[in-house]
PDB file of N, CA and C in Angstrom:
ATOM      1  N   UNK A   1      -7.210  -3.831 -16.260  1.00  0.00           N
ATOM      2  CA  UNK A   1      -5.827  -3.620 -15.920  1.00  0.00           C
ATOM      3  C   UNK A   1      -5.155  -4.985 -15.793  1.00  0.00           C
ATOM      4  N   UNK A   2      -4.021  -5.170 -16.436  1.00  0.00           N
ATOM      5  CA  UNK A   2      -3.358  -6.480 -16.361  1.00  0.00           C
ATOM      6  C   UNK A   2      -2.885  -6.791 -14.946  1.00  0.00           C
ATOM      7  N   UNK A   3      -2.687  -8.074 -14.710  1.00  0.00           N
ATOM      8  CA  UNK A   3      -2.261  -8.476 -13.369  1.00  0.00           C
ATOM      9  C   UNK A   3      -0.893  -7.913 -13.033  1.00  0.00           C
ATOM     10  N   UNK A   4      -0.049  -7.677 -14.041  1.00  0.00           N
ATOM     11  CA  UNK A   4       1.264  -7.112 -13.767  1.00  0.00           C
ATOM     12  C   UNK A   4       1.144  -5.699 -13.212  1.00  0.00           C
ATOM     13  N   UNK A   5       0.121  -4.963 -13.635  1.00  0.00           N
ATOM     14  CA  UNK A   5      -0.083  -3.621 -13.109  1.00  0.00           C
ATOM     15  C   UNK A   5      -0.461  -3.670 -11.632  1.00  0.00           C
ATOM     16  N   UNK A   6      -1.259  -4.663 -11.238  1.00  0.00           N
ATOM     17  CA  UNK A   6      -1.595  -4.816  -9.824  1.00  0.00           C
ATOM     18  C   UNK A   6      -0.354  -5.133  -9.002  1.00  0.00           C
ATOM     19  N   UNK A   7       0.536  -5.949  -9.543  1.00  0.00           N
ATOM     20  CA  UNK A   7       1.771  -6.269  -8.834  1.00  0.00           C
ATOM     21  C   UNK A   7       2.658  -5.045  -8.700  1.00  0.00           C
ATOM     22  N   UNK A   8       2.687  -4.219  -9.744  1.00  0.00           N
ATOM     23  CA  UNK A   8       3.486  -2.997  -9.690  1.00  0.00           C
ATOM     24  C   UNK A   8       2.946  -2.070  -8.617  1.00  0.00           C
ATOM     25  N   UNK A   9       1.625  -1.926  -8.563  1.00  0.00           N
ATOM     26  CA  UNK A   9       1.018  -1.055  -7.556  1.00  0.00           C
ATOM     27  C   UNK A   9       1.276  -1.603  -6.157  1.00  0.00           C
ATOM     28  N   UNK A  10       1.201  -2.920  -6.000  1.00  0.00           N
ATOM     29  CA  UNK A  10       1.459  -3.534  -4.704  1.00  0.00           C
ATOM     30  C   UNK A  10       2.904  -3.267  -4.253  1.00  0.00           C
ATOM     31  N   UNK A  11       3.854  -3.388  -5.175  1.00  0.00           N
ATOM     32  CA  UNK A  11       5.251  -3.102  -4.841  1.00  0.00           C
ATOM     33  C   UNK A  11       5.441  -1.630  -4.493  1.00  0.00           C
ATOM     34  N   UNK A  12       4.760  -0.756  -5.221  1.00  0.00           N
ATOM     35  CA  UNK A  12       4.849   0.668  -4.930  1.00  0.00           C
ATOM     36  C   UNK A  12       4.336   0.977  -3.525  1.00  0.00           C
ATOM     37  N   UNK A  13       3.216   0.379  -3.167  1.00  0.00           N
ATOM     38  CA  UNK A  13       2.669   0.590  -1.828  1.00  0.00           C
ATOM     39  C   UNK A  13       3.590   0.023  -0.750  1.00  0.00           C
ATOM     40  N   UNK A  14       4.288  -1.058  -1.066  1.00  0.00           N
ATOM     41  CA  UNK A  14       5.240  -1.629  -0.118  1.00  0.00           C
ATOM     42  C   UNK A  14       6.386  -0.652   0.142  1.00  0.00           C
ATOM     43  N   UNK A  15       6.884   0.001  -0.921  1.00  0.00           N
ATOM     44  CA  UNK A  15       7.957   0.980  -0.744  1.00  0.00           C
ATOM     45  C   UNK A  15       7.468   2.204   0.027  1.00  0.00           C
ATOM     46  N   UNK A  16       6.246   2.615  -0.238  1.00  0.00           N
ATOM     47  CA  UNK A  16       5.687   3.750   0.495  1.00  0.00           C
ATOM     48  C   UNK A  16       5.563   3.406   1.977  1.00  0.00           C
ATOM     49  N   UNK A  17       5.132   2.182   2.274  1.00  0.00           N
ATOM     50  CA  UNK A  17       4.994   1.764   3.676  1.00  0.00           C
ATOM     51  C   UNK A  17       6.347   1.718   4.371  1.00  0.00           C
ATOM     52  N   UNK A  18       7.367   1.204   3.677  1.00  0.00           N
ATOM     53  CA  UNK A  18       8.700   1.161   4.273  1.00  0.00           C
ATOM     54  C   UNK A  18       9.238   2.566   4.520  1.00  0.00           C
ATOM     55  N   UNK A  19       9.030   3.459   3.554  1.00  0.00           N
ATOM     56  CA  UNK A  19       9.463   4.842   3.739  1.00  0.00           C
ATOM     57  C   UNK A  19       8.710   5.526   4.862  1.00  0.00           C
ATOM     58  N   UNK A  20       7.418   5.261   4.971  1.00  0.00           N
ATOM     59  CA  UNK A  20       6.616   5.838   6.052  1.00  0.00           C
ATOM     60  C   UNK A  20       7.036   5.342   7.417  1.00  0.00           C
ATOM     61  N   UNK A  21       7.334   4.058   7.514  1.00  0.00           N
ATOM     62  CA  UNK A  21       7.774   3.535   8.813  1.00  0.00           C
ATOM     63  C   UNK A  21       9.149   4.085   9.173  1.00  0.00           C
ATOM     64  N   UNK A  22      10.010   4.280   8.168  1.00  0.00           N
ATOM     65  CA  UNK A  22      11.318   4.886   8.425  1.00  0.00           C
ATOM     66  C   UNK A  22      11.136   6.318   8.914  1.00  0.00           C
ATOM     67  N   UNK A  23      10.265   7.081   8.257  1.00  0.00           N
ATOM     68  CA  UNK A  23      10.019   8.462   8.672  1.00  0.00           C
ATOM     69  C   UNK A  23       9.434   8.514  10.076  1.00  0.00           C
ATOM     70  N   UNK A  24       8.518   7.605  10.375  1.00  0.00           N
ATOM     71  CA  UNK A  24       7.926   7.566  11.714  1.00  0.00           C
ATOM     72  C   UNK A  24       8.985   7.275  12.771  1.00  0.00           C
ATOM     73  N   UNK A  25       9.878   6.352  12.469  1.00  0.00           N
ATOM     74  CA  UNK A  25      10.941   6.004  13.415  1.00  0.00           C
ATOM     75  C   UNK A  25      11.894   7.174  13.612  1.00  0.00           C
ATOM     76  N   UNK A  26      12.229   7.866  12.529  1.00  0.00           N
ATOM     77  CA  UNK A  26      13.137   9.006  12.627  1.00  0.00           C
ATOM     78  C   UNK A  26      12.503  10.126  13.428  1.00  0.00           C
ATOM     79  N   UNK A  27      11.229  10.394  13.185  1.00  0.00           N
ATOM     80  CA  UNK A  27      10.558  11.471  13.914  1.00  0.00           C
ATOM     81  C   UNK A  27      10.465  11.138  15.395  1.00  0.00           C
ATOM     82  N   UNK A  28      10.249   9.874  15.721  1.00  0.00           N
ATOM     83  CA  UNK A  28      10.152   9.512  17.140  1.00  0.00           C
ATOM     84  C   UNK A  28      11.507   9.580  17.835  1.00  0.00           C
ATOM     85  N   UNK A  29      12.594   9.468  17.090  1.00  0.00           N
ATOM     86  CA  UNK A  29      13.938   9.530  17.692  1.00  0.00           C
ATOM     87  C   UNK A  29      14.725  10.694  17.097  1.00  0.00           C
ATOM     88  N   UNK A  30      14.062  11.837  16.947  1.00  0.00           N
ATOM     89  CA  UNK A  30      14.685  12.982  16.296  1.00  0.00           C
ATOM     90  C   UNK A  30      15.902  13.474  17.084  1.00  0.00           C
ATOM     91  N   UNK A  31      15.887  13.378  18.378  1.00  0.00           N
ATOM     92  CA  UNK A  31      17.041  13.818  19.178  1.00  0.00           C
ATOM     93  C   UNK A  31      18.261  12.955  18.892  1.00  0.00           C
ATOM     94  N   UNK A  32      18.055  11.666  18.803  1.00  0.00           N
ATOM     95  CA  UNK A  32      19.165  10.757  18.524  1.00  0.00           C
ATOM     96  C   UNK A  32      19.711  10.985  17.128  1.00  0.00           C
ATOM     97  N   UNK A  33      18.827  11.155  16.165  1.00  0.00           N
ATOM     98  CA  UNK A  33      19.273  11.388  14.793  1.00  0.00           C
ATOM     99  C   UNK A  33      20.067  12.687  14.707  1.00  0.00           C
ATOM    100  N   UNK A  34      19.619  13.703  15.398  1.00  0.00           N
ATOM    101  CA  UNK A  34      20.331  14.981  15.381  1.00  0.00           C
ATOM    102  C   UNK A  34      21.661  14.885  16.136  1.00  0.00           C
ATOM    103  N   UNK A  35      21.676  14.160  17.232  1.00  0.00           N
ATOM    104  CA  UNK A  35      22.902  14.037  18.030  1.00  0.00           C
ATOM    105  C   UNK A  35      24.012  13.343  17.240  1.00  0.00           C
ATOM    106  N   UNK A  36      23.680  12.357  16.442  1.00  0.00           N
ATOM    107  CA  UNK A  36      24.691  11.635  15.664  1.00  0.00           C
ATOM    108  C   UNK A  36      24.863  12.210  14.259  1.00  0.00           C
ATOM    109  N   UNK A  37      24.133  13.255  13.922  1.00  0.00           N
ATOM    110  CA  UNK A  37      24.271  13.877  12.611  1.00  0.00           C
ATOM    111  C   UNK A  37      23.880  12.957  11.467  1.00  0.00           C
ATOM    112  N   UNK A  38      22.847  12.187  11.668  1.00  0.00           N
ATOM    113  CA  UNK A  38      22.438  11.192  10.679  1.00  0.00           C
ATOM    114  C   UNK A  38      21.297  11.672   9.787  1.00  0.00           C
ATOM    115  N   UNK A  39      21.050  12.987   9.770  1.00  0.00           N
ATOM    116  CA  UNK A  39      19.918  13.491   9.002  1.00  0.00           C
ATOM    117  C   UNK A  39      20.073  13.199   7.510  1.00  0.00           C
ATOM    118  N   UNK A  40      21.245  13.438   6.959  1.00  0.00           N
ATOM    119  CA  UNK A  40      21.440  13.227   5.522  1.00  0.00           C
ATOM    120  C   UNK A  40      21.335  11.750   5.155  1.00  0.00           C
ATOM    121  N   UNK A  41      21.901  10.884   5.990  1.00  0.00           N
ATOM    122  CA  UNK A  41      21.826   9.445   5.704  1.00  0.00           C
ATOM    123  C   UNK A  41      20.389   8.948   5.786  1.00  0.00           C
ATOM    124  N   UNK A  42      19.674   9.363   6.809  1.00  0.00           N
ATOM    125  CA  UNK A  42      18.283   8.934   6.950  1.00  0.00           C
ATOM    126  C   UNK A  42      17.407   9.536   5.852  1.00  0.00           C
ATOM    127  N   UNK A  43      17.695  10.776   5.473  1.00  0.00           N
ATOM    128  CA  UNK A  43      16.962  11.390   4.372  1.00  0.00           C
ATOM    129  C   UNK A  43      17.212  10.666   3.058  1.00  0.00           C
ATOM    130  N   UNK A  44      18.448  10.221   2.855  1.00  0.00           N
ATOM    131  CA  UNK A  44      18.774   9.471   1.640  1.00  0.00           C
ATOM    132  C   UNK A  44      18.044   8.129   1.612  1.00  0.00           C
ATOM    133  N   UNK A  45      17.937   7.472   2.767  1.00  0.00           N
ATOM    134  CA  UNK A  45      17.189   6.211   2.832  1.00  0.00           C
ATOM    135  C   UNK A  45      15.721   6.429   2.497  1.00  0.00           C
ATOM    136  N   UNK A  46      15.154   7.506   3.030  1.00  0.00           N
ATOM    137  CA  UNK A  46      13.749   7.813   2.743  1.00  0.00           C
ATOM    138  C   UNK A  46      13.566   8.129   1.261  1.00  0.00           C
ATOM    139  N   UNK A  47      14.463   8.942   0.718  1.00  0.00           N
ATOM    140  CA  UNK A  47      14.373   9.302  -0.701  1.00  0.00           C
ATOM    141  C   UNK A  47      14.504   8.080  -1.603  1.00  0.00           C
ATOM    142  N   UNK A  48      15.282   7.115  -1.182  1.00  0.00           N
ATOM    143  CA  UNK A  48      15.440   5.892  -1.961  1.00  0.00           C
ATOM    144  C   UNK A  48      14.097   5.169  -2.098  1.00  0.00           C
ATOM    145  N   UNK A  49      13.366   5.081  -0.999  1.00  0.00           N
ATOM    146  CA  UNK A  49      12.048   4.436  -1.045  1.00  0.00           C
ATOM    147  C   UNK A  49      11.067   5.245  -1.889  1.00  0.00           C
ATOM    148  N   UNK A  50      11.104   6.566  -1.751  1.00  0.00           N
ATOM    149  CA  UNK A  50      10.189   7.413  -2.514  1.00  0.00           C
ATOM    150  C   UNK A  50      10.499   7.325  -4.006  1.00  0.00           C
ATOM    151  N   UNK A  51      11.774   7.344  -4.367  1.00  0.00           N
ATOM    152  CA  UNK A  51      12.143   7.269  -5.783  1.00  0.00           C
ATOM    153  C   UNK A  51      11.778   5.920  -6.393  1.00  0.00           C
ATOM    154  N   UNK A  52      11.946   4.856  -5.650  1.00  0.00           N
ATOM    155  CA  UNK A  52      11.572   3.533  -6.162  1.00  0.00           C
ATOM    156  C   UNK A  52      10.055   3.448  -6.360  1.00  0.00           C
ATOM    157  N   UNK A  53       9.308   4.028  -5.428  1.00  0.00           N
ATOM    158  CA  UNK A  53       7.852   4.057  -5.574  1.00  0.00           C
ATOM    159  C   UNK A  53       7.446   4.891  -6.790  1.00  0.00           C
ATOM    160  N   UNK A  54       8.141   5.999  -7.033  1.00  0.00           N
ATOM    161  CA  UNK A  54       7.852   6.833  -8.190  1.00  0.00           C
ATOM    162  C   UNK A  54       8.088   6.075  -9.490  1.00  0.00           C
ATOM    163  N   UNK A  55       9.188   5.335  -9.575  1.00  0.00           N
ATOM    164  CA  UNK A  55       9.477   4.552 -10.774  1.00  0.00           C
ATOM    165  C   UNK A  55       8.369   3.537 -11.038  1.00  0.00           C
ATOM    166  N   UNK A  56       7.943   2.856  -9.990  1.00  0.00           N
ATOM    167  CA  UNK A  56       6.896   1.850 -10.146  1.00  0.00           C
ATOM    168  C   UNK A  56       5.557   2.486 -10.514  1.00  0.00           C
ATOM    169  N   UNK A  57       5.256   3.648  -9.920  1.00  0.00           N
ATOM    170  CA  UNK A  57       4.002   4.325 -10.248  1.00  0.00           C
ATOM    171  C   UNK A  57       3.986   4.814 -11.684  1.00  0.00           C
ATOM    172  N   UNK A  58       5.134   5.270 -12.180  1.00  0.00           N
ATOM    173  CA  UNK A  58       5.194   5.699 -13.576  1.00  0.00           C
ATOM    174  C   UNK A  58       4.979   4.519 -14.515  1.00  0.00           C
ATOM    175  N   UNK A  59       5.527   3.363 -14.154  1.00  0.00           N
ATOM    176  CA  UNK A  59       5.332   2.167 -14.976  1.00  0.00           C
ATOM    177  C   UNK A  59       3.862   1.749 -14.958  1.00  0.00           C
ATOM    178  N   UNK A  60       3.221   1.845 -13.789  1.00  0.00           N
ATOM    179  CA  UNK A  60       1.798   1.480 -13.702  1.00  0.00           C
ATOM    180  C   UNK A  60       0.934   2.472 -14.470  1.00  0.00           C
ATOM    181  N   UNK A  61       1.332   3.746 -14.493  1.00  0.00           N
ATOM    182  CA  UNK A  61       0.526   4.737 -15.209  1.00  0.00           C
ATOM    183  C   UNK A  61       0.540   4.484 -16.713  1.00  0.00           C
ATOM    184  N   UNK A  62       1.630   3.914 -17.230  1.00  0.00           N
ATOM    185  CA  UNK A  62       1.667   3.568 -18.650  1.00  0.00           C
ATOM    186  C   UNK A  62       0.618   2.504 -18.952  1.00  0.00           C
ATOM    187  N   UNK A  63       0.539   1.484 -18.100  1.00  0.00           N
ATOM    188  CA  UNK A  63      -0.471   0.433 -18.291  1.00  0.00           C
ATOM    189  C   UNK A  63      -1.877   1.003 -18.186  1.00  0.00           C
ATOM    190  N   UNK A  64      -2.103   1.852 -17.195  1.00  0.00           N
ATOM    191  CA  UNK A  64      -3.432   2.420 -17.012  1.00  0.00           C
ATOM    192  C   UNK A  64      -3.811   3.342 -18.162  1.00  0.00           C
ATOM    193  N   UNK A  65      -2.865   4.138 -18.639  1.00  0.00           N
ATOM    194  CA  UNK A  65      -3.128   5.022 -19.766  1.00  0.00           C
ATOM    195  C   UNK A  65      -3.461   4.241 -21.025  1.00  0.00           C
ATOM    196  N   UNK A  66      -2.732   3.157 -21.261  1.00  0.00           N
ATOM    197  CA  UNK A  66      -3.038   2.307 -22.425  1.00  0.00           C
ATOM    198  C   UNK A  66      -4.413   1.683 -22.316  1.00  0.00           C
ATOM    199  N   UNK A  67      -4.768   1.262 -21.116  1.00  0.00           N
ATOM    200  CA  UNK A  67      -6.092   0.671 -20.904  1.00  0.00           C
ATOM    201  C   UNK A  67      -7.204   1.669 -21.148  1.00  0.00           C
ATOM    202  N   UNK A  68      -7.028   2.908 -20.648  1.00  0.00           N
ATOM    203  CA  UNK A  68      -8.034   3.938 -20.871  1.00  0.00           C
ATOM    204  C   UNK A  68      -8.126   4.290 -22.350  1.00  0.00           C
ATOM    205  N   UNK A  69      -6.995   4.326 -23.043  1.00  0.00           N
ATOM    206  CA  UNK A  69      -7.003   4.653 -24.469  1.00  0.00           C
ATOM    207  C   UNK A  69      -7.807   3.623 -25.248  1.00  0.00           C
ATOM    208  N   UNK A  70      -7.593   2.361 -24.963  1.00  0.00           N
ATOM    209  CA  UNK A  70      -8.338   1.295 -25.642  1.00  0.00           C
ATOM    210  C   UNK A  70      -9.824   1.378 -25.297  1.00  0.00           C
ATOM    211  N   UNK A  71     -10.115   1.612 -24.030  1.00  0.00           N
ATOM    212  CA  UNK A  71     -11.502   1.706 -23.565  1.00  0.00           C
ATOM    213  C   UNK A  71     -12.251   2.827 -24.294  1.00  0.00           C
ATOM    214  N   UNK A  72     -11.660   4.022 -24.339  1.00  0.00           N
ATOM    215  CA  UNK A  72     -12.335   5.136 -24.990  1.00  0.00           C
ATOM    216  C   UNK A  72     -12.387   4.973 -26.500  1.00  0.00           C
ATOM    217  N   UNK A  73     -11.391   4.322 -27.081  1.00  0.00           N
ATOM    218  CA  UNK A  73     -11.455   4.048 -28.522  1.00  0.00           C
ATOM    219  C   UNK A  73     -12.653   3.161 -28.838  1.00  0.00           C
ATOM    220  N   UNK A  74     -12.858   2.143 -28.039  1.00  0.00           N
ATOM    221  CA  UNK A  74     -13.989   1.244 -28.270  1.00  0.00           C
ATOM    222  C   UNK A  74     -15.313   1.992 -28.116  1.00  0.00           C
ATOM    223  N   UNK A  75     -15.411   2.835 -27.109  1.00  0.00           N
ATOM    224  CA  UNK A  75     -16.660   3.582 -26.903  1.00  0.00           C
ATOM    225  C   UNK A  75     -16.912   4.531 -28.072  1.00  0.00           C
ATOM    226  N   UNK A  76     -15.911   5.291 -28.479  1.00  0.00           N
ATOM    227  CA  UNK A  76     -16.110   6.235 -29.574  1.00  0.00           C
ATOM    228  C   UNK A  76     -16.325   5.521 -30.903  1.00  0.00           C
ATOM    229  N   UNK A  77     -15.697   4.392 -31.092  1.00  0.00           N
ATOM    230  CA  UNK A  77     -15.928   3.610 -32.310  1.00  0.00           C
ATOM    231  C   UNK A  77     -17.362   3.087 -32.336  1.00  0.00           C
ATOM    232  N   UNK A  78     -17.875   2.671 -31.189  1.00  0.00           N
ATOM    233  CA  UNK A  78     -19.264   2.206 -31.123  1.00  0.00           C
ATOM    234  C   UNK A  78     -20.227   3.345 -31.419  1.00  0.00           C
ATOM    235  N   UNK A  79     -19.945   4.553 -30.903  1.00  0.00           N
ATOM    236  CA  UNK A  79     -20.782   5.703 -31.218  1.00  0.00           C
ATOM    237  C   UNK A  79     -20.741   6.006 -32.718  1.00  0.00           C
ATOM    238  N   UNK A  80     -19.544   5.931 -33.294  1.00  0.00           N
ATOM    239  CA  UNK A  80     -19.404   6.224 -34.722  1.00  0.00           C
ATOM    240  C   UNK A  80     -20.176   5.207 -35.565  1.00  0.00           C
ATOM    241  N   UNK A  81     -20.112   3.944 -35.183  1.00  0.00           N
ATOM    242  CA  UNK A  81     -20.850   2.924 -35.929  1.00  0.00           C
ATOM    243  C   UNK A  81     -22.351   3.044 -35.697  1.00  0.00           C
ATOM    244  N   UNK A  82     -22.725   3.529 -34.529  1.00  0.00           N
ATOM    245  CA  UNK A  82     -24.134   3.681 -34.219  1.00  0.00           C
ATOM    246  C   UNK A  82     -24.798   4.796 -35.006  1.00  0.00           C
ATOM    247  N   UNK A  83     -24.040   5.802 -35.366  1.00  0.00           N
ATOM    248  CA  UNK A  83     -24.618   6.923 -36.114  1.00  0.00           C
ATOM    249  C   UNK A  83     -24.581   6.676 -37.611  1.00  0.00           C
ATOM    250  N   UNK A  84     -23.986   5.606 -38.021  1.00  0.00           N
ATOM    251  CA  UNK A  84     -23.835   5.281 -39.445  1.00  0.00           C
ATOM    252  C   UNK A  84     -25.066   4.729 -40.041  1.00  0.00           C
TER     253      UNK A  84
END
């Protein structure tokens, strides 16, 4: 896996951590959030982190899929040459 894929995964985990800490904070102060009617705003902030993580994970999956494709091509090509 290229080093850029590791960086993408690291950024994705960072967004997940930020979203998780936001959710934890909201759950601990649920009365305050409800009293000020901030559910939609806080939900939008959480969704922003989740969507950014999704974008990064999709980009990383392209790299991983390409790597697996090359890996299996080499294995099957070696089997094909071995039976020749």
